[in-house]
Protein backbone atom coordinates (compact mmCIF):
# COMPACT_ATOMS: atom_id res chain seq x y z
CA MET A 1 -0.01 -0.06 -0.06
CA VAL A 2 1.31 3.44 -0.85
CA VAL A 3 -0.16 6.26 0.81
CA CYS A 4 0.44 10.32 0.33
CA SER A 5 2.72 11.65 3.16
CA SER A 6 0.79 14.50 3.11
CA CYS A 7 -3.20 13.47 3.39
CA ALA A 8 -2.40 9.37 3.87
CA GLU A 9 -4.87 8.89 1.24
CA LEU A 10 -4.11 5.81 -1.39
CA LEU A 11 -2.08 6.97 -4.28
CA TYR A 12 -3.92 6.04 -7.40
CA PRO A 13 -3.49 4.68 -9.76
CA PRO A 14 -0.12 2.76 -8.85
CA GLY A 15 2.77 4.25 -9.70
CA ALA A 16 1.13 8.07 -9.76
CA LYS A 17 3.79 10.74 -9.70
CA PHE A 18 1.29 12.80 -7.54
CA CYS A 19 -1.44 12.61 -4.99
CA ALA A 20 -5.40 12.73 -6.72
CA TRP A 21 -6.44 14.42 -3.52
CA CYS A 22 -4.05 17.12 -2.45
CA GLY A 23 -1.28 17.08 -5.44
CA THR A 24 1.65 16.13 -2.81
CA ALA A 25 4.38 14.45 -4.81
CA ALA A 26 4.30 10.78 -4.68
CA PRO A 27 7.55 9.26 -2.72
CA GLN A 28 10.40 8.80 -5.23
CA TRP A 29 10.31 4.98 -3.86
CA ALA A 30 6.65 4.43 -5.28
CA GLY A 31 7.53 2.49 -8.11
CA SER A 32 4.50 0.48 -9.53
CA LEU A 33 2.37 -2.58 -8.81
CA ALA A 34 3.81 -4.22 -12.06
CA GLU A 35 7.16 -3.96 -10.92
CA ASP A 36 6.16 -5.53 -7.42
CA ARG A 37 4.98 -8.37 -9.48
CA GLU A 38 7.85 -8.55 -11.76
CA ALA A 39 9.82 -8.79 -8.90
CA LEU A 40 7.89 -11.60 -7.16
CA ARG A 41 7.86 -13.41 -9.96
CA ALA A 42 11.93 -13.12 -10.34
CA LEU A 43 12.00 -14.24 -6.65
CA ARG A 44 9.88 -17.52 -7.02
CA GLU A 45 12.35 -18.32 -10.60
CA VAL A 46 15.36 -18.24 -8.90
CA ASP A 47 14.80 -19.69 -5.40
CA ALA A 48 12.74 -22.98 -4.84
CA ALA A 49 11.96 -22.33 -1.13
CA ILE A 50 10.76 -18.82 -1.77
CA ASP A 51 8.47 -19.96 -4.56
CA GLU A 52 7.26 -22.70 -1.97
CA VAL A 53 6.26 -19.67 0.72
CA LEU A 54 4.59 -17.59 -1.75
CA GLU A 55 2.80 -20.28 -3.23
CA ASN A 56 1.30 -21.81 0.17
CA SER A 57 0.98 -18.26 1.85
CA GLN A 58 -2.94 -18.38 1.07
CA VAL A 59 -4.17 -20.32 4.11
CA ASN A 60 -6.78 -20.38 6.98
CA LEU A 61 -8.68 -17.32 5.70
CA LYS A 62 -11.72 -18.26 6.89
CA VAL A 63 -13.45 -19.67 9.73
CA ALA A 64 -17.21 -20.68 10.20
CA ILE A 65 -18.86 -20.27 13.64
CA ASP A 66 -22.04 -21.92 14.71
CA HIS A 67 -22.40 -22.48 18.48
CA ASP A 68 -24.49 -21.77 21.54
CA PHE A 69 -22.03 -19.73 24.04
CA ILE A 70 -23.34 -20.15 27.79
CA ASP A 71 -19.90 -19.09 29.76
CA GLN A 72 -20.89 -16.71 32.15
CA SER A 73 -18.54 -13.85 32.05
CA ASN A 74 -18.55 -9.67 31.61
CA ASP A 75 -14.83 -9.93 29.72
CA TRP A 76 -14.32 -10.62 26.32
CA ALA A 77 -13.29 -13.81 25.20
CA GLY A 78 -11.75 -15.34 21.96
CA ILE A 79 -13.47 -17.84 20.03
CA ALA A 80 -11.80 -17.86 16.96
CA THR A 81 -8.62 -16.42 15.13
CA LEU A 82 -6.63 -15.95 11.50
CA VAL A 83 -3.32 -15.13 11.20
CA VAL A 84 -2.34 -12.32 8.50
CA PRO A 85 -0.04 -14.21 5.83
CA PRO A 86 2.76 -12.73 3.89
CA ALA A 87 2.99 -11.59 0.70
CA HIS A 88 -0.89 -10.88 0.36
CA VAL A 89 -2.82 -7.57 -0.33
CA VAL A 90 -4.90 -7.39 2.81
CA ARG A 91 -8.32 -5.37 2.61
CA GLY A 92 -9.49 -6.13 5.98
CA ALA A 93 -11.61 -8.85 8.24
CA THR A 94 -15.25 -9.39 8.40
CA ILE A 95 -17.54 -11.21 10.90
CA SER A 96 -21.29 -11.58 9.64
CA GLY A 97 -24.10 -13.88 10.55
CA HIS A 98 -26.86 -14.22 12.85
CA TRP A 99 -27.02 -13.63 16.62
CA CYS A 100 -29.30 -13.45 19.44
CA ASP A 101 -29.21 -14.10 23.17
CA GLN A 102 -30.98 -16.33 25.51
CA GLY A 103 -34.48 -14.77 24.75
CA SER A 104 -35.82 -13.04 27.54
CA GLY A 105 -34.19 -11.24 30.67
CA ASN A 106 -31.03 -8.52 30.37
CA GLN A 107 -29.23 -7.94 27.04
CA LYS A 108 -25.54 -8.39 27.37
CA GLY A 109 -24.17 -10.57 24.35
CA ARG A 110 -21.40 -8.61 22.47
CA VAL A 111 -19.40 -9.45 19.32
CA ARG A 112 -16.34 -8.06 17.98
CA LEU A 113 -12.83 -8.44 15.96
CA VAL A 114 -9.80 -6.98 17.38
CA LEU A 115 -6.12 -7.14 15.60
CA LEU A 116 -3.27 -8.27 18.00
CA ARG A 117 0.52 -7.83 17.32
CA ASP A 118 2.56 -9.77 19.67
CA GLY A 119 -0.29 -10.10 21.87
CA ALA A 120 -0.85 -6.38 21.96
CA LEU A 121 -4.14 -4.54 20.99
CA VAL A 122 -3.71 -2.50 17.79
CA ALA A 123 -7.24 -2.13 16.30
CA ASP A 124 -10.58 -3.10 16.95
CA ALA A 125 -14.17 -2.85 15.42
CA ALA A 126 -17.07 -3.93 17.38
CA VAL A 127 -20.80 -4.96 16.38
CA PRO A 128 -22.96 -2.05 17.41
CA GLY A 129 -25.20 -2.65 20.48
CA LEU A 130 -26.15 -5.78 22.21
CA ALA A 131 -27.56 -9.30 20.78
CA PRO A 132 -31.08 -9.14 20.51
CA HIS A 133 -33.88 -11.48 21.97
CA GLY A 134 -34.51 -12.74 18.63
CA ARG A 135 -32.40 -13.94 16.14
CA GLU A 136 -31.06 -10.82 13.62
CA SER A 137 -28.39 -10.49 10.95
CA PHE A 138 -24.83 -8.61 11.77
CA SER A 139 -21.67 -7.39 10.26
CA VAL A 140 -18.67 -5.78 11.10
CA VAL A 141 -15.40 -5.04 9.41
CA LEU A 142 -11.87 -4.56 10.81
CA GLU A 143 -10.16 -1.97 8.13
CA GLY A 144 -6.70 -3.76 6.81
CA ASP A 145 -4.90 -0.74 6.42
CA VAL A 146 -2.75 -1.35 9.71
CA MET A 147 -2.53 -5.25 9.27
CA LEU A 148 1.40 -6.67 8.99
CA ALA A 149 2.00 -10.48 8.05
CA GLY A 150 1.98 -12.25 11.25
CA ASP A 151 -0.68 -10.10 13.17
CA VAL A 152 -3.45 -12.00 14.56
CA VAL A 153 -7.36 -11.29 13.71
CA ALA A 154 -9.59 -12.66 16.55
CA ALA A 155 -13.16 -12.83 17.37
CA GLN A 156 -13.89 -11.95 20.45
CA ILE A 157 -17.37 -11.93 22.41
CA ILE A 158 -19.34 -11.52 25.77
CA VAL A 159 -21.89 -13.09 27.04
CA GLY A 160 -22.89 -11.77 30.15
CA GLY A 161 -22.52 -12.51 33.65
CA GLY A 162 -25.38 -13.12 36.78
CA GLY A 163 -26.92 -16.13 35.51
CA GLY A 164 -28.82 -17.60 32.51
CA HIS A 165 -27.29 -15.32 29.41
CA ALA A 166 -26.12 -17.11 26.49
CA LEU A 167 -25.05 -15.87 23.04
CA LYS A 168 -26.06 -17.77 20.16
CA LEU A 169 -24.28 -17.65 16.73
CA LYS A 170 -25.59 -18.99 14.02
CA GLY A 171 -24.04 -19.08 10.01
CA VAL A 172 -21.42 -16.86 11.53
CA LYS A 173 -18.26 -16.86 9.35
CA LEU A 174 -14.86 -14.69 10.03
CA VAL A 175 -13.19 -13.98 6.95
CA LEU A 176 -9.69 -12.30 6.18
CA ASP A 177 -10.02 -10.72 2.75
CA ALA A 178 -6.45 -11.33 1.64
CA THR A 179 -5.12 -12.30 -1.83
CA PRO A 180 -1.70 -13.57 -2.59
CA THR A 181 0.22 -10.63 -4.75
CA GLU A 182 1.17 -13.66 -7.01
CA ALA A 183 -2.52 -14.23 -7.78
CA LEU A 184 -3.14 -10.35 -8.62
CA ALA A 185 -0.21 -10.91 -10.83
CA LYS A 186 -1.64 -13.69 -12.85
CA SER A 187 -5.24 -12.36 -12.80
CA GLY A 188 -4.03 -8.99 -14.11
CA TYR A 189 -6.14 -7.58 -11.45
CA VAL A 190 -4.47 -3.73 -10.28
CA GLU A 191 -5.62 -1.66 -7.63
CA ALA A 192 -4.15 1.02 -5.65
CA ASP A 193 -3.51 -1.11 -2.58
CA GLY A 194 -2.44 -3.89 -4.39
CA ARG A 195 1.55 -2.87 -3.64
CA VAL A 196 3.93 -5.63 -1.65
CA THR A 197 4.84 -3.50 1.92
CA GLN A 198 5.59 -6.95 3.67
CA LEU A 199 7.29 -9.89 2.88
CA SER A 200 8.23 -12.69 5.29
CA LEU A 201 10.46 -15.53 4.13
CA TYR A 202 10.50 -17.39 7.44
CA GLU A 203 12.91 -20.58 7.69
CA CYS A 204 14.09 -21.03 3.75
CA GLU A 205 16.83 -22.62 5.26
CA SER A 206 18.11 -23.39 1.48
CA LEU A 207 18.38 -19.87 0.97
CA ALA A 208 22.20 -18.92 0.42
CA ALA A 209 21.85 -15.35 -0.99
CA LEU A 210 19.08 -13.31 -0.96
CA PRO A 211 18.14 -12.83 -5.05
CA PRO A 212 18.77 -8.90 -5.86
CA ALA A 213 15.42 -9.30 -7.51
CA ILE A 214 13.84 -8.51 -4.25
CA CYS A 215 15.12 -5.21 -4.69
CA GLY A 216 12.90 -4.78 -7.12
CA LEU A 217 9.99 -4.45 -4.26
CA LEU A 218 10.33 -0.81 -3.85
CA ALA A 219 7.45 -0.27 -1.58
CA LEU A 220 8.45 -2.88 0.77
CA THR A 221 8.78 -1.74 4.50
CA THR A 222 8.94 -5.02 6.17
CA LEU A 223 10.95 -7.65 5.56
CA LYS A 224 11.72 -10.57 7.43
CA LEU A 225 14.30 -13.25 7.08
CA GLU A 226 14.01 -15.12 10.33
CA LYS A 227 15.65 -18.56 10.54
CA CYS A 228 17.26 -18.47 7.02
CA SER A 229 19.85 -20.51 8.41
CA GLY A 230 22.04 -20.73 5.24
CA LEU A 231 21.64 -17.09 4.23
CA ARG A 232 25.45 -15.80 4.42
CA ALA A 233 25.03 -12.29 2.80
CA LEU A 234 22.74 -9.51 1.82
CA PRO A 235 23.07 -8.01 -1.92
CA ASP A 236 24.29 -4.35 -2.47
CA ALA A 237 21.07 -3.67 -3.74
CA ILE A 238 19.57 -3.93 -0.77
CA SER A 239 20.13 -0.15 -0.59
CA GLU A 240 17.42 0.23 -3.34
CA LEU A 241 14.48 -0.43 -0.61
CA SER A 242 14.66 3.08 0.53
CA ALA A 243 11.20 2.58 2.18
CA LEU A 244 12.48 -0.63 4.36
CA ALA A 245 11.35 0.48 8.21
CA GLU A 246 12.00 -2.97 9.48
CA LEU A 247 14.57 -5.78 8.83
CA CYS A 248 14.77 -8.83 11.05
CA LEU A 249 17.36 -11.44 10.09
CA SER A 250 16.99 -13.05 13.32
CA GLU A 251 18.45 -16.63 13.65
CA CYS A 252 20.38 -16.39 10.01
CA GLU A 253 23.02 -18.45 11.74
CA SER A 254 25.15 -18.32 8.64
CA LEU A 255 25.30 -14.57 8.00
CA VAL A 256 28.99 -13.14 8.22
CA ALA A 257 28.31 -9.50 7.58
CA LEU A 258 26.29 -6.92 6.39
CA PRO A 259 27.17 -5.03 3.04
CA ASP A 260 28.22 -1.49 3.10
CA ALA A 261 24.72 -0.48 1.43
CA ILE A 262 22.95 -1.19 4.71
CA GLY A 263 23.84 2.24 5.23
CA GLU A 264 21.46 3.64 2.44
CA LEU A 265 18.58 2.36 4.39
CA GLY A 266 17.45 5.84 5.57
CA ALA A 267 13.70 4.88 6.54
CA LEU A 268 15.10 2.00 8.76
CA LYS A 269 13.88 1.91 12.41
CA SER A 270 14.25 -1.49 13.34
CA LEU A 271 16.97 -3.90 12.62
CA ASP A 272 17.38 -7.66 14.45
CA LEU A 273 20.38 -9.45 13.96
CA SER A 274 19.67 -11.65 17.14
CA PHE A 275 21.27 -15.13 17.33
CA CYS A 276 23.39 -14.36 14.05
CA ARG A 277 26.00 -16.55 15.64
CA SER A 278 28.56 -15.87 12.64
CA LEU A 279 28.44 -12.19 12.31
CA GLU A 280 32.01 -10.80 13.08
CA ALA A 281 31.42 -7.25 12.66
CA LEU A 282 29.03 -4.21 11.99
CA PRO A 283 30.12 -2.04 8.99
CA ASP A 284 31.22 1.67 9.38
CA ALA A 285 28.33 2.18 6.79
CA ILE A 286 25.85 1.57 9.49
CA SER A 287 26.04 5.27 10.78
CA GLY A 288 24.02 5.96 7.62
CA LEU A 289 20.90 4.73 9.77
CA GLY A 290 19.83 7.82 10.59
CA ALA A 291 16.14 6.61 11.83
CA LEU A 292 17.12 3.71 13.39
CA THR A 293 15.67 3.23 16.86
CA THR A 294 16.28 -0.29 17.98
CA LEU A 295 19.54 -2.73 16.84
CA ASN A 296 19.15 -6.21 18.71
CA LEU A 297 22.74 -8.15 18.52
CA TYR A 298 21.56 -10.76 21.32
CA GLN A 299 23.73 -13.43 21.03
CA CYS A 300 25.99 -12.47 18.35
CA GLU A 301 28.80 -14.62 19.83
CA LYS A 302 31.31 -13.62 17.06
CA LEU A 303 30.86 -10.20 17.74
CA VAL A 304 34.23 -8.64 19.26
CA ALA A 305 33.29 -5.10 19.09
CA LEU A 306 31.09 -2.42 18.07
CA PRO A 307 32.35 -0.24 15.30
CA ASP A 308 33.07 3.79 16.46
CA ALA A 309 30.51 4.67 13.77
CA ILE A 310 27.83 3.28 16.30
CA GLY A 311 27.70 6.67 18.05
CA GLU A 312 26.17 8.52 15.18
CA LEU A 313 23.00 6.52 15.49
CA GLY A 314 21.29 9.61 16.84
CA ALA A 315 17.65 8.12 16.81
CA LEU A 316 18.43 4.92 18.77
CA THR A 317 16.48 4.01 21.86
CA GLU A 318 17.29 0.67 22.32
CA LEU A 319 20.45 -1.23 22.12
CA LYS A 320 20.60 -5.15 22.95
CA LEU A 321 24.03 -6.81 23.07
CA ASP A 322 22.95 -9.39 25.61
CA GLU A 323 25.25 -12.50 25.37
CA CYS A 324 27.68 -11.07 23.05
CA THR A 325 30.37 -13.00 24.77
CA LYS A 326 33.53 -11.66 22.84
CA ILE A 327 32.72 -8.04 23.60
CA THR A 328 35.51 -6.49 25.88
CA ALA A 329 34.53 -3.06 25.83
CA LEU A 330 32.33 -0.33 24.01
CA PRO A 331 33.49 2.49 22.19
CA GLU A 332 33.95 6.21 23.46
CA THR A 333 31.70 7.29 20.88
CA ILE A 334 28.58 5.38 22.54
CA GLY A 335 28.27 8.73 24.34
CA GLY A 336 26.82 9.82 21.25
CA LEU A 337 23.27 8.12 21.58
CA LYS A 338 21.75 10.63 22.82
CA ALA A 339 18.37 9.33 22.43
CA LEU A 340 19.41 5.52 24.04
CA LYS A 341 17.05 4.70 26.76
CA MET A 342 17.76 0.98 27.08
CA LEU A 343 21.05 -0.69 27.26
CA ASP A 344 21.19 -4.35 27.74
CA MET A 345 24.58 -6.19 28.20
CA THR A 346 23.55 -9.09 30.15
CA ASP A 347 26.07 -12.05 30.34
CA CYS A 348 28.65 -10.36 28.31
CA SER A 349 31.02 -12.20 30.19
CA ARG A 350 34.18 -10.62 28.64
CA LEU A 351 33.26 -7.11 29.10
CA THR A 352 36.18 -5.46 31.48
CA SER A 353 35.23 -2.14 31.53
CA LEU A 354 32.99 0.74 30.44
CA PRO A 355 33.76 4.20 28.91
CA ALA A 356 33.66 7.45 30.60
CA ALA A 357 31.08 8.49 27.73
CA ILE A 358 28.47 6.23 29.34
CA GLY A 359 27.95 9.31 31.53
CA GLU A 360 26.90 10.92 28.18
CA LEU A 361 23.77 8.87 27.87
CA GLY A 362 21.28 11.24 29.43
CA ALA A 363 18.15 9.78 28.31
CA LEU A 364 18.94 6.39 29.57
CA THR A 365 16.76 4.82 31.95
CA LYS A 366 17.35 0.99 31.86
CA LEU A 367 21.74 -0.33 31.85
CA ASP A 368 21.69 -4.27 32.52
CA LEU A 369 24.93 -5.26 33.38
CA THR A 370 23.91 -8.89 34.79
CA GLY A 371 26.44 -11.83 34.36
CA CYS A 372 29.14 -9.37 33.23
CA SER A 373 31.17 -11.70 35.31
CA SER A 374 34.78 -9.74 34.13
CA LEU A 375 33.78 -6.33 34.93
CA ALA A 376 35.72 -5.12 37.88
CA ALA A 377 34.42 -1.54 38.14
CA LEU A 378 31.97 1.17 37.09
CA PRO A 379 33.60 4.47 35.92
CA ALA A 380 32.90 7.57 38.29
CA ALA A 381 30.81 8.79 34.98
CA ILE A 382 28.31 6.63 36.05
CA GLY A 383 26.91 8.82 38.34
CA GLU A 384 25.72 11.40 35.82
CA LEU A 385 23.19 9.20 34.34
CA GLY A 386 20.65 11.23 35.99
CA ALA A 387 17.34 9.36 34.37
CA LEU A 388 18.60 5.42 35.24
């Protein structure tokens, strides 16, 4: 989905140079739906694992519900869930059918849809009012504009406490309106929200190198490559993904290094390198990640040191270095991380000292040095951490 940076309306037609609503110039990375399709085709052709992921991505998009619920509670309770799949155009979720309560007495039954991300509530939409005494139809839509791959859409109900209450759902369907982007390419179907903005290639273990074709997905904002255990490198063309805000490389255990081109991802906010146990160093070019707020290096066991360039990440708020067991010190430039709120160095067992510049981290509220068994003393400057 490509939206106008000024008025937040969808850009139409795909590849439009200006917003039809307010006239603002489209982002330079907008590209076109045809380019997205060509990139996905190329990905499928060059790697069988990617082809399988994209081919099998349309799963569990509908759930039927036909049940009389009698559990006595005034709290929301889940009755069905759907997971947003990768490489899909998601328009929203709908729950519809017929409902009624026990037929007399107080009305308490309710129905809603919620969007959950890592267990946290992101959005919700409830059927107006309470379940009627007599059977009536209902329908409610949860819009898909904030849905990401891996999010959970859940149908929830309240039956009502106090005794004798029931909520009867008949012929009810929970439907996730999501179409694989590749299916759009095959059908020739085109509309404004048909761009690929999230792509997950989870557990493509045979993937040794990320095909440059992926860099044709110019609207991509989220790229997840978790457990691609054979992945050894990223292409220099990664720099073309100028809209990329989240890059997850967790458990890419063969990844040895990042290309200098990583520093050209000016929109990147989150970089997850946890469990990259072969990663030996970060490039100096990381200084170019001006928007980066989260850097996760948990259990990067071969990482010996952070580059001096780390101090140029002015937007960084969270730095996780726990169980980086080869790190012996932090660079003096660490003091440049003026926005840093959390520094986790749990079980950095070879860490022998902290630089005096640690006292310059005025925004730091959490510093975890648990298990740093080689750390003999703290610098006097630690006393300057007023927010700690």
